[in-house]
Amino acid sequence: MSDILVTTTENIPGHQYEVIGEVFGLTTQSKNLIRNIGASLKNVVGGEIRDYTNMLDEARNVAVDRLKLNAANMGADAVVMMRFDSGSIGTDMQSVAAYGTAVKYI
């Protein structure tokens, strides 16, 4: 799985490929109650809420790992045009989707 190339570009220099199809990786994460209380207090004084930043970074990494696994299961060598989408679910959950086009080298 780790050898699946993921790129945000449409073309991979030096490679020709055929399109297999759309591929995605999804995750939804939340922080625990104690960290949510800490984040609420930080909201009063302002500044970066590091627990949420770390949660989003972890969610992004999980989404890309799942994207790669999905692509590998389809027989892909790479994923092109990868993008992220994210959104809140309630006040303490975040959903992250990584999506792109699975391709096979020819």
N, C-alpha and C. Protein backbone atom coordinates (compact mmCIF):
# COMPACT_ATOMS: atom_id res chain seq x y z
N MET A 1 0.81 -1.19 0.00
CA MET A 1 0.00 0.00 0.00
C MET A 1 0.86 1.26 0.00
N SER A 2 1.96 1.27 0.71
CA SER A 2 2.77 2.48 0.81
C SER A 2 3.43 2.85 -0.51
N ASP A 3 3.48 1.91 -1.47
CA ASP A 3 4.11 2.23 -2.75
C ASP A 3 3.12 2.84 -3.74
N ILE A 4 1.89 3.08 -3.34
CA ILE A 4 0.91 3.78 -4.18
C ILE A 4 1.27 5.26 -4.18
N LEU A 5 1.57 5.79 -5.35
CA LEU A 5 1.88 7.21 -5.50
C LEU A 5 0.58 8.00 -5.44
N VAL A 6 0.57 9.05 -4.64
CA VAL A 6 -0.59 9.94 -4.57
C VAL A 6 -0.12 11.33 -4.93
N THR A 7 -0.77 11.91 -5.95
CA THR A 7 -0.37 13.23 -6.42
C THR A 7 -1.60 14.10 -6.65
N THR A 8 -1.42 15.39 -6.49
CA THR A 8 -2.51 16.33 -6.75
C THR A 8 -2.54 16.77 -8.21
N THR A 9 -1.55 16.35 -8.98
CA THR A 9 -1.48 16.74 -10.39
C THR A 9 -2.25 15.73 -11.25
N GLU A 10 -2.54 16.13 -12.48
CA GLU A 10 -3.26 15.23 -13.39
C GLU A 10 -2.30 14.27 -14.07
N ASN A 11 -1.09 14.71 -14.33
CA ASN A 11 -0.10 13.89 -15.03
C ASN A 11 1.04 13.50 -14.12
N ILE A 12 1.58 12.31 -14.37
CA ILE A 12 2.75 11.83 -13.65
C ILE A 12 3.89 11.81 -14.66
N PRO A 13 4.88 12.69 -14.51
CA PRO A 13 5.98 12.75 -15.48
C PRO A 13 6.65 11.38 -15.66
N GLY A 14 6.83 11.01 -16.93
CA GLY A 14 7.51 9.75 -17.25
C GLY A 14 6.63 8.52 -17.20
N HIS A 15 5.33 8.69 -16.95
CA HIS A 15 4.42 7.53 -16.87
C HIS A 15 3.20 7.75 -17.74
N GLN A 16 2.81 6.70 -18.42
CA GLN A 16 1.53 6.67 -19.10
C GLN A 16 0.65 5.73 -18.30
N TYR A 17 -0.62 6.03 -18.25
CA TYR A 17 -1.51 5.21 -17.44
C TYR A 17 -2.92 5.20 -18.01
N GLU A 18 -3.66 4.20 -17.55
CA GLU A 18 -5.09 4.12 -17.87
C GLU A 18 -5.87 4.37 -16.59
N VAL A 19 -7.00 4.99 -16.72
CA VAL A 19 -7.85 5.31 -15.58
C VAL A 19 -8.62 4.07 -15.15
N ILE A 20 -8.58 3.79 -13.85
CA ILE A 20 -9.36 2.69 -13.30
C ILE A 20 -10.70 3.22 -12.80
N GLY A 21 -10.67 4.33 -12.06
CA GLY A 21 -11.92 4.91 -11.56
C GLY A 21 -11.69 5.75 -10.33
N GLU A 22 -12.79 6.25 -9.79
CA GLU A 22 -12.70 7.10 -8.60
C GLU A 22 -12.31 6.27 -7.39
N VAL A 23 -11.63 6.93 -6.48
CA VAL A 23 -11.16 6.27 -5.27
C VAL A 23 -11.24 7.28 -4.13
N PHE A 24 -11.48 6.78 -2.93
CA PHE A 24 -11.63 7.69 -1.80
C PHE A 24 -11.21 7.03 -0.51
N GLY A 25 -10.98 7.86 0.50
CA GLY A 25 -10.73 7.42 1.86
C GLY A 25 -11.45 8.37 2.79
N LEU A 26 -12.17 7.84 3.76
CA LEU A 26 -12.98 8.65 4.66
C LEU A 26 -12.66 8.36 6.11
N THR A 27 -12.82 9.37 6.95
CA THR A 27 -12.73 9.18 8.40
C THR A 27 -13.53 10.29 9.08
N THR A 28 -14.06 9.97 10.24
CA THR A 28 -14.71 10.96 11.09
C THR A 28 -14.13 10.79 12.48
N GLN A 29 -13.68 11.89 13.05
CA GLN A 29 -13.01 11.81 14.35
C GLN A 29 -13.53 12.88 15.29
N SER A 30 -13.36 12.63 16.57
CA SER A 30 -13.70 13.62 17.59
C SER A 30 -12.69 13.52 18.72
N LYS A 31 -12.64 14.55 19.53
CA LYS A 31 -11.78 14.54 20.71
C LYS A 31 -12.63 14.19 21.93
N ASN A 32 -11.96 13.76 22.99
CA ASN A 32 -12.69 13.37 24.18
C ASN A 32 -13.22 14.59 24.95
N LEU A 33 -14.08 14.36 25.91
CA LEU A 33 -14.75 15.42 26.65
C LEU A 33 -13.78 16.36 27.34
N ILE A 34 -12.72 15.85 27.95
CA ILE A 34 -11.76 16.70 28.65
C ILE A 34 -11.06 17.64 27.68
N ARG A 35 -10.67 17.13 26.53
CA ARG A 35 -10.02 17.99 25.53
C ARG A 35 -11.00 18.99 24.94
N ASN A 36 -12.27 18.61 24.82
CA ASN A 36 -13.28 19.56 24.34
C ASN A 36 -13.45 20.71 25.32
N ILE A 37 -13.40 20.41 26.62
CA ILE A 37 -13.50 21.47 27.63
C ILE A 37 -12.29 22.40 27.53
N GLY A 38 -11.11 21.82 27.37
CA GLY A 38 -9.89 22.63 27.20
C GLY A 38 -9.97 23.50 25.96
N ALA A 39 -10.52 22.95 24.88
CA ALA A 39 -10.66 23.73 23.64
C ALA A 39 -11.66 24.86 23.84
N SER A 40 -12.72 24.62 24.60
CA SER A 40 -13.70 25.67 24.87
C SER A 40 -13.08 26.80 25.66
N LEU A 41 -12.22 26.46 26.62
CA LEU A 41 -11.53 27.50 27.39
C LEU A 41 -10.58 28.29 26.49
N LYS A 42 -9.89 27.62 25.60
CA LYS A 42 -8.98 28.29 24.67
C LYS A 42 -9.77 29.23 23.75
N ASN A 43 -10.99 28.86 23.43
CA ASN A 43 -11.84 29.67 22.58
C ASN A 43 -12.12 31.04 23.21
N VAL A 44 -12.13 31.09 24.55
CA VAL A 44 -12.38 32.34 25.27
C VAL A 44 -11.21 33.30 25.11
N VAL A 45 -9.98 32.78 25.20
CA VAL A 45 -8.80 33.65 25.16
C VAL A 45 -8.21 33.78 23.76
N GLY A 46 -8.60 32.92 22.84
CA GLY A 46 -8.11 32.99 21.47
C GLY A 46 -6.84 32.21 21.25
N GLY A 47 -6.47 32.05 20.01
CA GLY A 47 -5.25 31.32 19.65
C GLY A 47 -5.56 29.97 19.06
N GLU A 48 -4.51 29.29 18.65
CA GLU A 48 -4.66 27.98 18.02
C GLU A 48 -5.11 26.95 19.04
N ILE A 49 -6.03 26.11 18.65
CA ILE A 49 -6.47 25.00 19.49
C ILE A 49 -5.74 23.76 18.98
N ARG A 50 -4.61 23.49 19.59
CA ARG A 50 -3.70 22.45 19.08
C ARG A 50 -4.31 21.06 19.05
N ASP A 51 -5.17 20.75 20.02
CA ASP A 51 -5.80 19.42 20.00
C ASP A 51 -6.63 19.23 18.74
N TYR A 52 -7.32 20.27 18.31
CA TYR A 52 -8.11 20.16 17.09
C TYR A 52 -7.22 20.15 15.85
N THR A 53 -6.15 20.92 15.87
CA THR A 53 -5.20 20.89 14.76
C THR A 53 -4.61 19.50 14.62
N ASN A 54 -4.23 18.89 15.74
CA ASN A 54 -3.68 17.54 15.72
C ASN A 54 -4.73 16.53 15.25
N MET A 55 -5.99 16.72 15.68
CA MET A 55 -7.06 15.83 15.26
C MET A 55 -7.24 15.89 13.74
N LEU A 56 -7.22 17.10 13.17
CA LEU A 56 -7.38 17.24 11.73
C LEU A 56 -6.20 16.66 10.97
N ASP A 57 -5.00 16.83 11.50
CA ASP A 57 -3.81 16.26 10.86
C ASP A 57 -3.90 14.74 10.87
N GLU A 58 -4.30 14.17 12.00
CA GLU A 58 -4.46 12.72 12.10
C GLU A 58 -5.56 12.24 11.14
N ALA A 59 -6.66 12.96 11.08
CA ALA A 59 -7.76 12.59 10.20
C ALA A 59 -7.32 12.63 8.73
N ARG A 60 -6.55 13.63 8.36
CA ARG A 60 -6.04 13.72 7.00
C ARG A 60 -5.16 12.52 6.66
N ASN A 61 -4.27 12.15 7.58
CA ASN A 61 -3.39 11.01 7.36
C ASN A 61 -4.17 9.70 7.25
N VAL A 62 -5.17 9.53 8.10
CA VAL A 62 -6.01 8.33 8.04
C VAL A 62 -6.76 8.27 6.71
N ALA A 63 -7.30 9.41 6.27
CA ALA A 63 -8.04 9.46 5.01
C ALA A 63 -7.13 9.09 3.83
N VAL A 64 -5.90 9.57 3.81
CA VAL A 64 -4.96 9.24 2.72
C VAL A 64 -4.58 7.77 2.78
N ASP A 65 -4.35 7.23 3.98
CA ASP A 65 -4.03 5.80 4.09
C ASP A 65 -5.18 4.95 3.55
N ARG A 66 -6.41 5.34 3.86
CA ARG A 66 -7.57 4.58 3.37
C ARG A 66 -7.74 4.75 1.86
N LEU A 67 -7.41 5.92 1.35
CA LEU A 67 -7.43 6.16 -0.10
C LEU A 67 -6.45 5.21 -0.78
N LYS A 68 -5.23 5.10 -0.25
CA LYS A 68 -4.21 4.21 -0.81
C LYS A 68 -4.67 2.75 -0.76
N LEU A 69 -5.26 2.35 0.35
CA LEU A 69 -5.74 0.97 0.49
C LEU A 69 -6.84 0.68 -0.53
N ASN A 70 -7.77 1.62 -0.68
CA ASN A 70 -8.84 1.47 -1.65
C ASN A 70 -8.25 1.36 -3.06
N ALA A 71 -7.27 2.20 -3.38
CA ALA A 71 -6.63 2.15 -4.71
C ALA A 71 -5.90 0.83 -4.92
N ALA A 72 -5.18 0.37 -3.91
CA ALA A 72 -4.46 -0.91 -4.02
C ALA A 72 -5.44 -2.06 -4.26
N ASN A 73 -6.57 -2.04 -3.58
CA ASN A 73 -7.58 -3.08 -3.76
C ASN A 73 -8.18 -3.07 -5.17
N MET A 74 -8.11 -1.92 -5.84
CA MET A 74 -8.61 -1.80 -7.21
C MET A 74 -7.52 -2.18 -8.23
N GLY A 75 -6.30 -2.46 -7.76
CA GLY A 75 -5.20 -2.81 -8.65
C GLY A 75 -4.47 -1.60 -9.21
N ALA A 76 -4.61 -0.45 -8.56
CA ALA A 76 -3.99 0.79 -9.04
C ALA A 76 -2.52 0.86 -8.67
N ASP A 77 -1.78 1.63 -9.46
CA ASP A 77 -0.39 1.95 -9.16
C ASP A 77 -0.25 3.34 -8.54
N ALA A 78 -1.25 4.19 -8.79
CA ALA A 78 -1.17 5.57 -8.33
C ALA A 78 -2.57 6.18 -8.24
N VAL A 79 -2.63 7.33 -7.59
CA VAL A 79 -3.85 8.13 -7.54
C VAL A 79 -3.47 9.53 -8.00
N VAL A 80 -4.19 10.03 -9.00
CA VAL A 80 -3.94 11.38 -9.51
C VAL A 80 -5.11 12.29 -9.12
N MET A 81 -4.85 13.59 -9.17
CA MET A 81 -5.87 14.60 -8.88
C MET A 81 -6.47 14.43 -7.48
N MET A 82 -5.64 14.06 -6.49
CA MET A 82 -6.13 13.86 -5.13
C MET A 82 -6.51 15.21 -4.52
N ARG A 83 -7.63 15.21 -3.82
CA ARG A 83 -8.13 16.39 -3.14
C ARG A 83 -8.65 15.98 -1.77
N PHE A 84 -8.83 16.99 -0.90
CA PHE A 84 -9.44 16.78 0.41
C PHE A 84 -10.74 17.54 0.49
N ASP A 85 -11.65 17.03 1.28
CA ASP A 85 -12.86 17.74 1.65
C ASP A 85 -13.07 17.46 3.13
N SER A 86 -13.55 18.43 3.86
CA SER A 86 -13.80 18.21 5.28
C SER A 86 -15.02 19.00 5.72
N GLY A 87 -15.59 18.57 6.82
CA GLY A 87 -16.74 19.26 7.36
C GLY A 87 -16.98 18.87 8.80
N SER A 88 -17.68 19.72 9.49
CA SER A 88 -18.02 19.47 10.89
C SER A 88 -19.31 18.68 10.99
N ILE A 89 -19.36 17.83 11.99
CA ILE A 89 -20.58 17.11 12.33
C ILE A 89 -20.84 17.48 13.79
N GLY A 90 -21.82 18.27 14.03
CA GLY A 90 -22.05 18.78 15.38
C GLY A 90 -20.96 19.76 15.75
N THR A 91 -20.68 19.85 17.03
CA THR A 91 -19.69 20.82 17.49
C THR A 91 -18.33 20.22 17.78
N ASP A 92 -18.23 18.88 17.82
CA ASP A 92 -16.95 18.29 18.22
C ASP A 92 -16.49 17.13 17.35
N MET A 93 -17.07 16.99 16.17
CA MET A 93 -16.64 15.93 15.25
C MET A 93 -16.27 16.54 13.91
N GLN A 94 -15.30 15.94 13.27
CA GLN A 94 -14.81 16.42 11.98
C GLN A 94 -14.71 15.23 11.04
N SER A 95 -15.23 15.39 9.84
CA SER A 95 -15.15 14.37 8.82
C SER A 95 -14.17 14.84 7.74
N VAL A 96 -13.29 13.94 7.29
CA VAL A 96 -12.32 14.26 6.25
C VAL A 96 -12.41 13.19 5.17
N ALA A 97 -12.48 13.64 3.92
CA ALA A 97 -12.48 12.74 2.77
C ALA A 97 -11.30 13.09 1.89
N ALA A 98 -10.55 12.08 1.49
CA ALA A 98 -9.50 12.22 0.48
C ALA A 98 -10.03 11.48 -0.74
N TYR A 99 -9.98 12.13 -1.92
CA TYR A 99 -10.52 11.49 -3.11
C TYR A 99 -9.70 11.84 -4.33
N GLY A 100 -9.75 10.97 -5.32
CA GLY A 100 -8.99 11.19 -6.54
C GLY A 100 -9.33 10.12 -7.56
N THR A 101 -8.45 9.97 -8.55
CA THR A 101 -8.65 9.02 -9.62
C THR A 101 -7.56 7.95 -9.56
N ALA A 102 -7.97 6.69 -9.43
CA ALA A 102 -7.04 5.57 -9.39
C ALA A 102 -6.60 5.28 -10.83
N VAL A 103 -5.28 5.06 -11.02
CA VAL A 103 -4.74 4.78 -12.35
C VAL A 103 -3.79 3.58 -12.30
N LYS A 104 -3.63 2.93 -13.46
CA LYS A 104 -2.69 1.81 -13.61
C LYS A 104 -1.73 2.14 -14.72
N TYR A 105 -0.42 1.97 -14.45
CA TYR A 105 0.61 2.25 -15.45
C TYR A 105 0.48 1.28 -16.63
N ILE A 106 0.74 1.79 -17.84
CA ILE A 106 0.73 0.92 -19.02
C ILE A 106 2.12 0.89 -19.65
